[in-house]
Every structure is written in structure tokens, then in C-alpha cells.
PDB file of N, CA and C in Angstrom:
ATOM      1  N   MET A   1      -5.899  51.521  -1.749  1.00  0.00           N
ATOM      2  CA  MET A   1      -6.692  51.244  -0.792  1.00  0.00           C
ATOM      3  C   MET A   1      -7.999  51.937  -1.366  1.00  0.00           C
ATOM      4  N   ILE A   2      -9.104  50.887  -1.000  1.00  0.00           N
ATOM      5  CA  ILE A   2     -10.589  51.326  -1.381  1.00  0.00           C
ATOM      6  C   ILE A   2     -11.282  51.665   0.140  1.00  0.00           C
ATOM      7  N   GLN A   3     -11.636  52.917   0.279  1.00  0.00           N
ATOM      8  CA  GLN A   3     -12.413  53.247   1.351  1.00  0.00           C
ATOM      9  C   GLN A   3     -13.916  53.819   0.909  1.00  0.00           C
ATOM     10  N   GLY A   4     -14.703  53.278   1.641  1.00  0.00           N
ATOM     11  CA  GLY A   4     -16.198  53.854   1.431  1.00  0.00           C
ATOM     12  C   GLY A   4     -17.148  53.303   2.509  1.00  0.00           C
ATOM     13  N   ARG A   5     -18.354  53.498   2.076  1.00  0.00           N
ATOM     14  CA  ARG A   5     -19.646  53.332   3.060  1.00  0.00           C
ATOM     15  C   ARG A   5     -20.537  52.849   2.301  1.00  0.00           C
ATOM     16  N   VAL A   6     -21.225  51.819   2.798  1.00  0.00           N
ATOM     17  CA  VAL A   6     -22.888  51.272   2.455  1.00  0.00           C
ATOM     18  C   VAL A   6     -23.865  51.606   3.110  1.00  0.00           C
ATOM     19  N   VAL A   7     -24.722  52.303   2.291  1.00  0.00           N
ATOM     20  CA  VAL A   7     -25.773  52.828   2.825  1.00  0.00           C
ATOM     21  C   VAL A   7     -26.967  52.351   2.352  1.00  0.00           C
ATOM     22  N   ASP A   8     -28.450  52.610   3.093  1.00  0.00           N
ATOM     23  CA  ASP A   8     -29.536  52.169   2.633  1.00  0.00           C
ATOM     24  C   ASP A   8     -30.050  53.523   1.698  1.00  0.00           C
ATOM     25  N   GLY A   9     -31.497  53.307   1.397  1.00  0.00           N
ATOM     26  CA  GLY A   9     -31.894  54.262   0.485  1.00  0.00           C
ATOM     27  C   GLY A   9     -32.219  55.680   1.509  1.00  0.00           C
ATOM     28  N   ASP A  10     -32.047  55.540   2.581  1.00  0.00           N
ATOM     29  CA  ASP A  10     -32.416  56.752   3.359  1.00  0.00           C
ATOM     30  C   ASP A  10     -31.045  57.270   3.883  1.00  0.00           C
ATOM     31  N   GLY A  11     -29.924  56.922   3.419  1.00  0.00           N
ATOM     32  CA  GLY A  11     -28.674  57.188   3.761  1.00  0.00           C
ATOM     33  C   GLY A  11     -28.133  56.703   5.140  1.00  0.00           C
ATOM     34  N   VAL A  12     -28.619  55.757   5.981  1.00  0.00           N
ATOM     35  CA  VAL A  12     -28.161  55.288   7.041  1.00  0.00           C
ATOM     36  C   VAL A  12     -27.410  53.977   6.736  1.00  0.00           C
ATOM     37  N   GLY A  13     -26.352  54.022   7.416  1.00  0.00           N
ATOM     38  CA  GLY A  13     -25.222  52.875   7.245  1.00  0.00           C
ATOM     39  C   GLY A  13     -25.712  51.688   7.468  1.00  0.00           C
ATOM     40  N   VAL A  14     -25.211  50.946   6.502  1.00  0.00           N
ATOM     41  CA  VAL A  14     -25.648  49.419   6.573  1.00  0.00           C
ATOM     42  C   VAL A  14     -24.476  48.348   7.235  1.00  0.00           C
ATOM     43  N   ALA A  15     -24.903  48.062   8.357  1.00  0.00           N
ATOM     44  CA  ALA A  15     -23.760  47.206   9.249  1.00  0.00           C
ATOM     45  C   ALA A  15     -23.711  45.646   8.354  1.00  0.00           C
ATOM     46  N   ALA A  16     -22.590  45.138   8.451  1.00  0.00           N
ATOM     47  CA  ALA A  16     -22.410  43.643   8.181  1.00  0.00           C
ATOM     48  C   ALA A  16     -22.710  43.444   6.678  1.00  0.00           C
ATOM     49  N   ALA A  17     -22.568  44.422   5.861  1.00  0.00           N
ATOM     50  CA  ALA A  17     -22.674  44.146   4.490  1.00  0.00           C
ATOM     51  C   ALA A  17     -21.429  43.427   4.061  1.00  0.00           C
ATOM     52  N   ARG A  18     -21.350  42.561   2.996  1.00  0.00           N
ATOM     53  CA  ARG A  18     -20.426  41.659   2.404  1.00  0.00           C
ATOM     54  C   ARG A  18     -19.867  42.546   1.034  1.00  0.00           C
ATOM     55  N   VAL A  19     -18.637  43.043   0.910  1.00  0.00           N
ATOM     56  CA  VAL A  19     -18.147  43.710   0.072  1.00  0.00           C
ATOM     57  C   VAL A  19     -16.865  43.144  -0.667  1.00  0.00           C
ATOM     58  N   LEU A  20     -17.127  42.743  -1.939  1.00  0.00           N
ATOM     59  CA  LEU A  20     -15.970  41.881  -2.653  1.00  0.00           C
ATOM     60  C   LEU A  20     -15.618  42.838  -3.832  1.00  0.00           C
ATOM     61  N   ALA A  21     -14.126  43.028  -3.743  1.00  0.00           N
ATOM     62  CA  ALA A  21     -13.630  43.974  -4.809  1.00  0.00           C
ATOM     63  C   ALA A  21     -13.152  43.062  -5.836  1.00  0.00           C
ATOM     64  N   ASN A  22     -13.487  43.216  -7.109  1.00  0.00           N
ATOM     65  CA  ASN A  22     -12.729  42.511  -8.334  1.00  0.00           C
ATOM     66  C   ASN A  22     -12.094  43.643  -8.953  1.00  0.00           C
ATOM     67  N   VAL A  23     -10.652  43.585  -9.024  1.00  0.00           N
ATOM     68  CA  VAL A  23      -9.889  44.568  -9.265  1.00  0.00           C
ATOM     69  C   VAL A  23      -8.812  43.970 -10.564  1.00  0.00           C
ATOM     70  N   ALA A  24      -8.725  44.878 -11.450  1.00  0.00           N
ATOM     71  CA  ALA A  24      -7.950  44.772 -12.926  1.00  0.00           C
ATOM     72  C   ALA A  24      -6.737  45.563 -12.932  1.00  0.00           C
ATOM     73  N   ARG A  25      -5.575  44.944 -13.267  1.00  0.00           N
ATOM     74  CA  ARG A  25      -4.514  45.624 -13.837  1.00  0.00           C
ATOM     75  C   ARG A  25      -4.578  46.005 -15.366  1.00  0.00           C
ATOM     76  N   THR A  26      -3.849  46.921 -15.776  1.00  0.00           N
ATOM     77  CA  THR A  26      -3.548  47.300 -17.098  1.00  0.00           C
ATOM     78  C   THR A  26      -4.006  46.070 -18.180  1.00  0.00           C
ATOM     79  N   GLU A  27      -3.161  45.025 -17.809  1.00  0.00           N
ATOM     80  CA  GLU A  27      -2.892  43.785 -18.872  1.00  0.00           C
ATOM     81  C   GLU A  27      -3.602  42.469 -17.633  1.00  0.00           C
ATOM     82  N   GLY A  28      -4.646  41.763 -17.751  1.00  0.00           N
ATOM     83  CA  GLY A  28      -4.534  40.612 -17.157  1.00  0.00           C
ATOM     84  C   GLY A  28      -5.947  40.421 -16.730  1.00  0.00           C
ATOM     85  N   PRO A  29      -6.202  39.307 -16.078  1.00  0.00           N
ATOM     86  CA  PRO A  29      -7.600  39.083 -15.760  1.00  0.00           C
ATOM     87  C   PRO A  29      -8.066  39.925 -14.274  1.00  0.00           C
ATOM     88  N   TYR A  30      -9.118  39.721 -14.092  1.00  0.00           N
ATOM     89  CA  TYR A  30      -9.447  40.536 -12.607  1.00  0.00           C
ATOM     90  C   TYR A  30      -9.044  39.602 -11.631  1.00  0.00           C
ATOM     91  N   GLU A  31      -8.728  40.185 -10.281  1.00  0.00           N
ATOM     92  CA  GLU A  31      -8.181  39.689  -9.503  1.00  0.00           C
ATOM     93  C   GLU A  31      -9.492  39.845  -8.115  1.00  0.00           C
ATOM     94  N   HIS A  32      -9.804  38.733  -7.601  1.00  0.00           N
ATOM     95  CA  HIS A  32     -10.860  38.897  -6.507  1.00  0.00           C
ATOM     96  C   HIS A  32      -9.958  39.053  -5.495  1.00  0.00           C
ATOM     97  N   LEU A  33     -10.453  40.001  -4.483  1.00  0.00           N
ATOM     98  CA  LEU A  33      -9.896  39.991  -3.295  1.00  0.00           C
ATOM     99  C   LEU A  33     -10.654  39.601  -2.156  1.00  0.00           C
ATOM    100  N   ASP A  34     -10.218  39.303  -1.186  1.00  0.00           N
ATOM    101  CA  ASP A  34     -10.920  38.954   0.242  1.00  0.00           C
ATOM    102  C   ASP A  34     -12.308  39.543   0.412  1.00  0.00           C
ATOM    103  N   VAL A  35     -13.542  38.972   0.848  1.00  0.00           N
ATOM    104  CA  VAL A  35     -14.352  39.790   1.195  1.00  0.00           C
ATOM    105  C   VAL A  35     -14.315  40.541   2.561  1.00  0.00           C
ATOM    106  N   VAL A  36     -14.626  41.728   2.627  1.00  0.00           N
ATOM    107  CA  VAL A  36     -14.534  42.362   3.772  1.00  0.00           C
ATOM    108  C   VAL A  36     -16.028  42.738   4.218  1.00  0.00           C
ATOM    109  N   MET A  37     -16.268  42.970   5.514  1.00  0.00           N
ATOM    110  CA  MET A  37     -17.466  43.235   6.176  1.00  0.00           C
ATOM    111  C   MET A  37     -17.689  44.686   6.557  1.00  0.00           C
ATOM    112  N   THR A  38     -18.832  45.567   6.251  1.00  0.00           N
ATOM    113  CA  THR A  38     -18.891  46.620   6.754  1.00  0.00           C
ATOM    114  C   THR A  38     -18.984  46.717   8.138  1.00  0.00           C
ATOM    115  N   ASP A  39     -18.574  47.988   9.019  1.00  0.00           N
ATOM    116  CA  ASP A  39     -18.500  47.934  10.278  1.00  0.00           C
ATOM    117  C   ASP A  39     -20.115  48.531  10.736  1.00  0.00           C
ATOM    118  N   GLY A  40     -20.593  48.746  11.915  1.00  0.00           N
ATOM    119  CA  GLY A  40     -21.752  49.241  12.512  1.00  0.00           C
ATOM    120  C   GLY A  40     -22.300  50.553  11.836  1.00  0.00           C
ATOM    121  N   ASP A  41     -21.374  51.320  11.116  1.00  0.00           N
ATOM    122  CA  ASP A  41     -21.758  52.470  10.446  1.00  0.00           C
ATOM    123  C   ASP A  41     -21.645  52.630   9.032  1.00  0.00           C
ATOM    124  N   GLY A  42     -21.503  51.190   8.403  1.00  0.00           N
ATOM    125  CA  GLY A  42     -21.482  50.679   7.114  1.00  0.00           C
ATOM    126  C   GLY A  42     -20.102  51.048   6.144  1.00  0.00           C
ATOM    127  N   ALA A  43     -19.089  51.483   7.085  1.00  0.00           N
ATOM    128  CA  ALA A  43     -17.902  51.939   6.675  1.00  0.00           C
ATOM    129  C   ALA A  43     -17.108  50.377   6.391  1.00  0.00           C
ATOM    130  N   PHE A  44     -16.248  50.645   5.322  1.00  0.00           N
ATOM    131  CA  PHE A  44     -15.210  49.467   4.850  1.00  0.00           C
ATOM    132  C   PHE A  44     -14.111  50.057   4.159  1.00  0.00           C
ATOM    133  N   THR A  45     -12.979  49.088   4.085  1.00  0.00           N
ATOM    134  CA  THR A  45     -11.601  49.686   3.840  1.00  0.00           C
ATOM    135  C   THR A  45     -11.226  48.305   3.235  1.00  0.00           C
ATOM    136  N   ILE A  46     -10.829  48.237   1.889  1.00  0.00           N
ATOM    137  CA  ILE A  46     -10.084  47.145   1.155  1.00  0.00           C
ATOM    138  C   ILE A  46      -8.744  47.568   0.865  1.00  0.00           C
ATOM    139  N   PRO A  47      -7.982  46.846   1.333  1.00  0.00           N
ATOM    140  CA  PRO A  47      -6.394  47.175   1.125  1.00  0.00           C
ATOM    141  C   PRO A  47      -5.969  46.417  -0.232  1.00  0.00           C
ATOM    142  N   LEU A  48      -5.232  46.996  -1.213  1.00  0.00           N
ATOM    143  CA  LEU A  48      -4.957  46.783  -2.668  1.00  0.00           C
ATOM    144  C   LEU A  48      -3.681  46.261  -2.618  1.00  0.00           C
ATOM    145  N   PRO A  49      -3.439  45.153  -3.493  1.00  0.00           N
ATOM    146  CA  PRO A  49      -1.952  44.828  -3.521  1.00  0.00           C
ATOM    147  C   PRO A  49      -1.448  45.401  -4.722  1.00  0.00           C
ATOM    148  N   PHE A  50      -1.917  46.109  -5.407  1.00  0.00           N
ATOM    149  CA  PHE A  50      -1.625  46.704  -6.589  1.00  0.00           C
ATOM    150  C   PHE A  50      -2.457  48.046  -6.895  1.00  0.00           C
ATOM    151  N   ASP A  51      -2.054  48.551  -7.964  1.00  0.00           N
ATOM    152  CA  ASP A  51      -2.781  50.118  -8.367  1.00  0.00           C
ATOM    153  C   ASP A  51      -3.733  49.443  -9.343  1.00  0.00           C
ATOM    154  N   PRO A  52      -5.078  49.224  -9.126  1.00  0.00           N
ATOM    155  CA  PRO A  52      -5.703  48.899 -10.353  1.00  0.00           C
ATOM    156  C   PRO A  52      -6.273  49.928 -11.366  1.00  0.00           C
ATOM    157  N   VAL A  53      -6.576  49.385 -12.718  1.00  0.00           N
ATOM    158  CA  VAL A  53      -7.097  50.155 -13.558  1.00  0.00           C
ATOM    159  C   VAL A  53      -8.632  50.502 -13.213  1.00  0.00           C
ATOM    160  N   GLU A  54      -9.253  49.651 -12.921  1.00  0.00           N
ATOM    161  CA  GLU A  54     -10.726  49.646 -12.661  1.00  0.00           C
ATOM    162  C   GLU A  54     -10.995  48.477 -11.784  1.00  0.00           C
ATOM    163  N   CYS A  55     -12.322  48.754 -11.179  1.00  0.00           N
ATOM    164  CA  CYS A  55     -12.663  47.754  -9.953  1.00  0.00           C
ATOM    165  C   CYS A  55     -14.148  47.760 -10.149  1.00  0.00           C
ATOM    166  N   LEU A  56     -14.495  46.588  -9.720  1.00  0.00           N
ATOM    167  CA  LEU A  56     -16.148  46.203  -9.552  1.00  0.00           C
ATOM    168  C   LEU A  56     -16.340  45.703  -8.326  1.00  0.00           C
ATOM    169  N   LEU A  57     -16.992  46.538  -7.358  1.00  0.00           N
ATOM    170  CA  LEU A  57     -17.391  46.181  -6.122  1.00  0.00           C
ATOM    171  C   LEU A  57     -18.634  45.198  -6.301  1.00  0.00           C
ATOM    172  N   GLU A  58     -18.646  43.933  -5.328  1.00  0.00           N
ATOM    173  CA  GLU A  58     -20.084  43.327  -5.235  1.00  0.00           C
ATOM    174  C   GLU A  58     -20.357  43.441  -4.024  1.00  0.00           C
ATOM    175  N   VAL A  59     -21.342  44.065  -4.008  1.00  0.00           N
ATOM    176  CA  VAL A  59     -22.001  44.154  -2.357  1.00  0.00           C
ATOM    177  C   VAL A  59     -23.487  43.611  -2.117  1.00  0.00           C
ATOM    178  N   ARG A  60     -23.506  42.871  -0.764  1.00  0.00           N
ATOM    179  CA  ARG A  60     -24.804  42.354  -0.792  1.00  0.00           C
ATOM    180  C   ARG A  60     -24.793  42.479   1.145  1.00  0.00           C
ATOM    181  N   ALA A  61     -26.124  42.363   1.204  1.00  0.00           N
ATOM    182  CA  ALA A  61     -26.543  42.786   2.475  1.00  0.00           C
ATOM    183  C   ALA A  61     -28.065  42.011   2.866  1.00  0.00           C
ATOM    184  N   ALA A  62     -28.039  41.530   4.006  1.00  0.00           N
ATOM    185  CA  ALA A  62     -29.362  41.006   4.385  1.00  0.00           C
ATOM    186  C   ALA A  62     -30.628  41.824   3.969  1.00  0.00           C
ATOM    187  N   GLY A  63     -31.620  41.528   3.329  1.00  0.00           N
ATOM    188  CA  GLY A  63     -32.869  42.240   3.080  1.00  0.00           C
ATOM    189  C   GLY A  63     -32.681  43.318   2.066  1.00  0.00           C
ATOM    190  N   LEU A  64     -31.430  43.491   1.699  1.00  0.00           N
ATOM    191  CA  LEU A  64     -31.327  44.394   0.541  1.00  0.00           C
ATOM    192  C   LEU A  64     -30.991  43.874  -0.895  1.00  0.00           C
ATOM    193  N   ALA A  65     -31.196  44.451  -1.914  1.00  0.00           N
ATOM    194  CA  ALA A  65     -30.963  43.880  -3.283  1.00  0.00           C
ATOM    195  C   ALA A  65     -29.490  44.131  -3.630  1.00  0.00           C
ATOM    196  N   ASP A  66     -29.070  42.987  -4.186  1.00  0.00           N
ATOM    197  CA  ASP A  66     -27.590  42.990  -4.436  1.00  0.00           C
ATOM    198  C   ASP A  66     -27.058  44.167  -5.168  1.00  0.00           C
ATOM    199  N   ASN A  67     -25.590  44.669  -5.163  1.00  0.00           N
ATOM    200  CA  ASN A  67     -25.308  46.099  -5.786  1.00  0.00           C
ATOM    201  C   ASN A  67     -24.005  45.639  -6.653  1.00  0.00           C
ATOM    202  N   ASN A  68     -23.828  45.644  -7.835  1.00  0.00           N
ATOM    203  CA  ASN A  68     -22.742  46.062  -8.485  1.00  0.00           C
ATOM    204  C   ASN A  68     -22.240  47.431  -8.824  1.00  0.00           C
ATOM    205  N   HIS A  69     -21.021  47.747  -8.228  1.00  0.00           N
ATOM    206  CA  HIS A  69     -20.697  49.020  -8.220  1.00  0.00           C
ATOM    207  C   HIS A  69     -19.242  49.419  -8.882  1.00  0.00           C
ATOM    208  N   TYR A  70     -19.368  49.839 -10.084  1.00  0.00           N
ATOM    209  CA  TYR A  70     -18.032  50.123 -10.969  1.00  0.00           C
ATOM    210  C   TYR A  70     -17.314  51.112 -10.507  1.00  0.00           C
ATOM    211  N   LEU A  71     -16.125  51.024 -10.254  1.00  0.00           N
ATOM    212  CA  LEU A  71     -15.323  52.067  -9.906  1.00  0.00           C
ATOM    213  C   LEU A  71     -14.352  52.476 -11.123  1.00  0.00           C
ATOM    214  N   THR A  72     -14.053  53.676 -11.716  1.00  0.00           N
ATOM    215  CA  THR A  72     -12.987  53.914 -12.650  1.00  0.00           C
ATOM    216  C   THR A  72     -11.895  54.732 -11.636  1.00  0.00           C
ATOM    217  N   ARG A  73     -12.177  55.122 -10.336  1.00  0.00           N
ATOM    218  CA  ARG A  73     -11.119  55.701  -9.615  1.00  0.00           C
ATOM    219  C   ARG A  73     -11.162  55.051  -8.304  1.00  0.00           C
ATOM    220  N   VAL A  74     -10.225  54.629  -7.710  1.00  0.00           N
ATOM    221  CA  VAL A  74     -10.334  53.623  -6.436  1.00  0.00           C
ATOM    222  C   VAL A  74      -9.614  54.744  -5.272  1.00  0.00           C
ATOM    223  N   ASP A  75      -9.363  56.268  -5.748  1.00  0.00           N
ATOM    224  CA  ASP A  75      -8.605  56.880  -4.674  1.00  0.00           C
ATOM    225  C   ASP A  75      -9.691  57.802  -4.018  1.00  0.00           C
ATOM    226  N   LEU A  76     -10.903  57.853  -4.422  1.00  0.00           N
ATOM    227  CA  LEU A  76     -11.972  58.755  -3.753  1.00  0.00           C
ATOM    228  C   LEU A  76     -12.726  57.830  -2.698  1.00  0.00           C
ATOM    229  N   PRO A  77     -13.492  58.298  -1.832  1.00  0.00           N
ATOM    230  CA  PRO A  77     -14.266  57.565  -0.912  1.00  0.00           C
ATOM    231  C   PRO A  77     -15.558  57.212  -1.837  1.00  0.00           C
ATOM    232  N   VAL A  78     -15.855  55.948  -1.394  1.00  0.00           N
ATOM    233  CA  VAL A  78     -16.928  55.200  -2.149  1.00  0.00           C
ATOM    234  C   VAL A  78     -18.049  55.349  -1.624  1.00  0.00           C
ATOM    235  N   VAL A  79     -19.383  55.469  -2.093  1.00  0.00           N
ATOM    236  CA  VAL A  79     -20.610  55.462  -1.160  1.00  0.00           C
ATOM    237  C   VAL A  79     -21.493  54.503  -2.158  1.00  0.00           C
ATOM    238  N   VAL A  80     -21.921  53.376  -1.619  1.00  0.00           N
ATOM    239  CA  VAL A  80     -22.824  52.305  -2.406  1.00  0.00           C
ATOM    240  C   VAL A  80     -24.038  52.461  -1.527  1.00  0.00           C
ATOM    241  N   VAL A  81     -25.184  52.552  -2.387  1.00  0.00           N
ATOM    242  CA  VAL A  81     -26.389  52.881  -1.975  1.00  0.00           C
ATOM    243  C   VAL A  81     -27.280  51.617  -2.422  1.00  0.00           C
ATOM    244  N   MET A  82     -27.908  50.801  -1.178  1.00  0.00           N
ATOM    245  CA  MET A  82     -28.454  49.780  -1.193  1.00  0.00           C
ATOM    246  C   MET A  82     -30.148  49.812  -1.151  1.00  0.00           C
ATOM    247  N   HIS A  83     -30.634  49.297  -2.077  1.00  0.00           N
ATOM    248  CA  HIS A  83     -32.294  49.297  -1.836  1.00  0.00           C
ATOM    249  C   HIS A  83     -32.846  48.081  -1.457  1.00  0.00           C
ATOM    250  N   ALA A  84     -34.134  48.197  -1.251  1.00  0.00           N
ATOM    251  CA  ALA A  84     -34.936  47.090  -0.532  1.00  0.00           C
ATOM    252  C   ALA A  84     -34.848  45.876  -1.714  1.00  0.00           C
ATOM    253  N   GLY A  85     -34.650  44.758  -1.019  1.00  0.00           N
ATOM    254  CA  GLY A  85     -34.780  43.754  -2.168  1.00  0.00           C
ATOM    255  C   GLY A  85     -36.306  43.154  -2.620  1.00  0.00           C
ATOM    256  N   ALA A  86     -36.302  42.509  -3.481  1.00  0.00           N
ATOM    257  CA  ALA A  86     -37.607  42.087  -4.113  1.00  0.00           C
ATOM    258  C   ALA A  86     -38.159  40.808  -3.364  1.00  0.00           C
TER     259      ALA A  86
END
């Protein structure tokens, strides 16, 4: 499971951000998991069907620049910082 929080540049949780996890096994292509939405505090949980060796989170939120966040460990809480969009 991947647990984390999406925050803005001031550290305030971003509600209703879309988080997509692209996870990979040791061999084989990346698998795209269902999109989850952050709660009112910016928190999210993504269940995993297997133990991945790596993961790329694609995070999008209204009014903020998209953020692709690469994970080498999925067992730690993740904090994704979103900045103002152009």
C-alpha cells in the first residue's frame, strides 16, 4: 500500500487531487492502477496488487502544476508538493 499526502508550497493539504500510480515488478511493464482522490487534508491511500520495485505517481490538482513523483520505496509515507501552475 502507498500512503501519503499532497500539499501545496505552504504545506497545506490539497483536497481532491488526482493521484495515479504506475507500478513495476522486477520484470514486466508498468501497471497503471486506478486513480484515487485525496481527502480534505490531502491524504491518499493506494492499495497495491503486488510488491513493486519502483513506482511513479502522477499527481494533478486544479490550479497547480502537475507533478510526477518517482518512488524507490513504497513502504514510507509520501509527501508530494504541488506548486502554482503556469
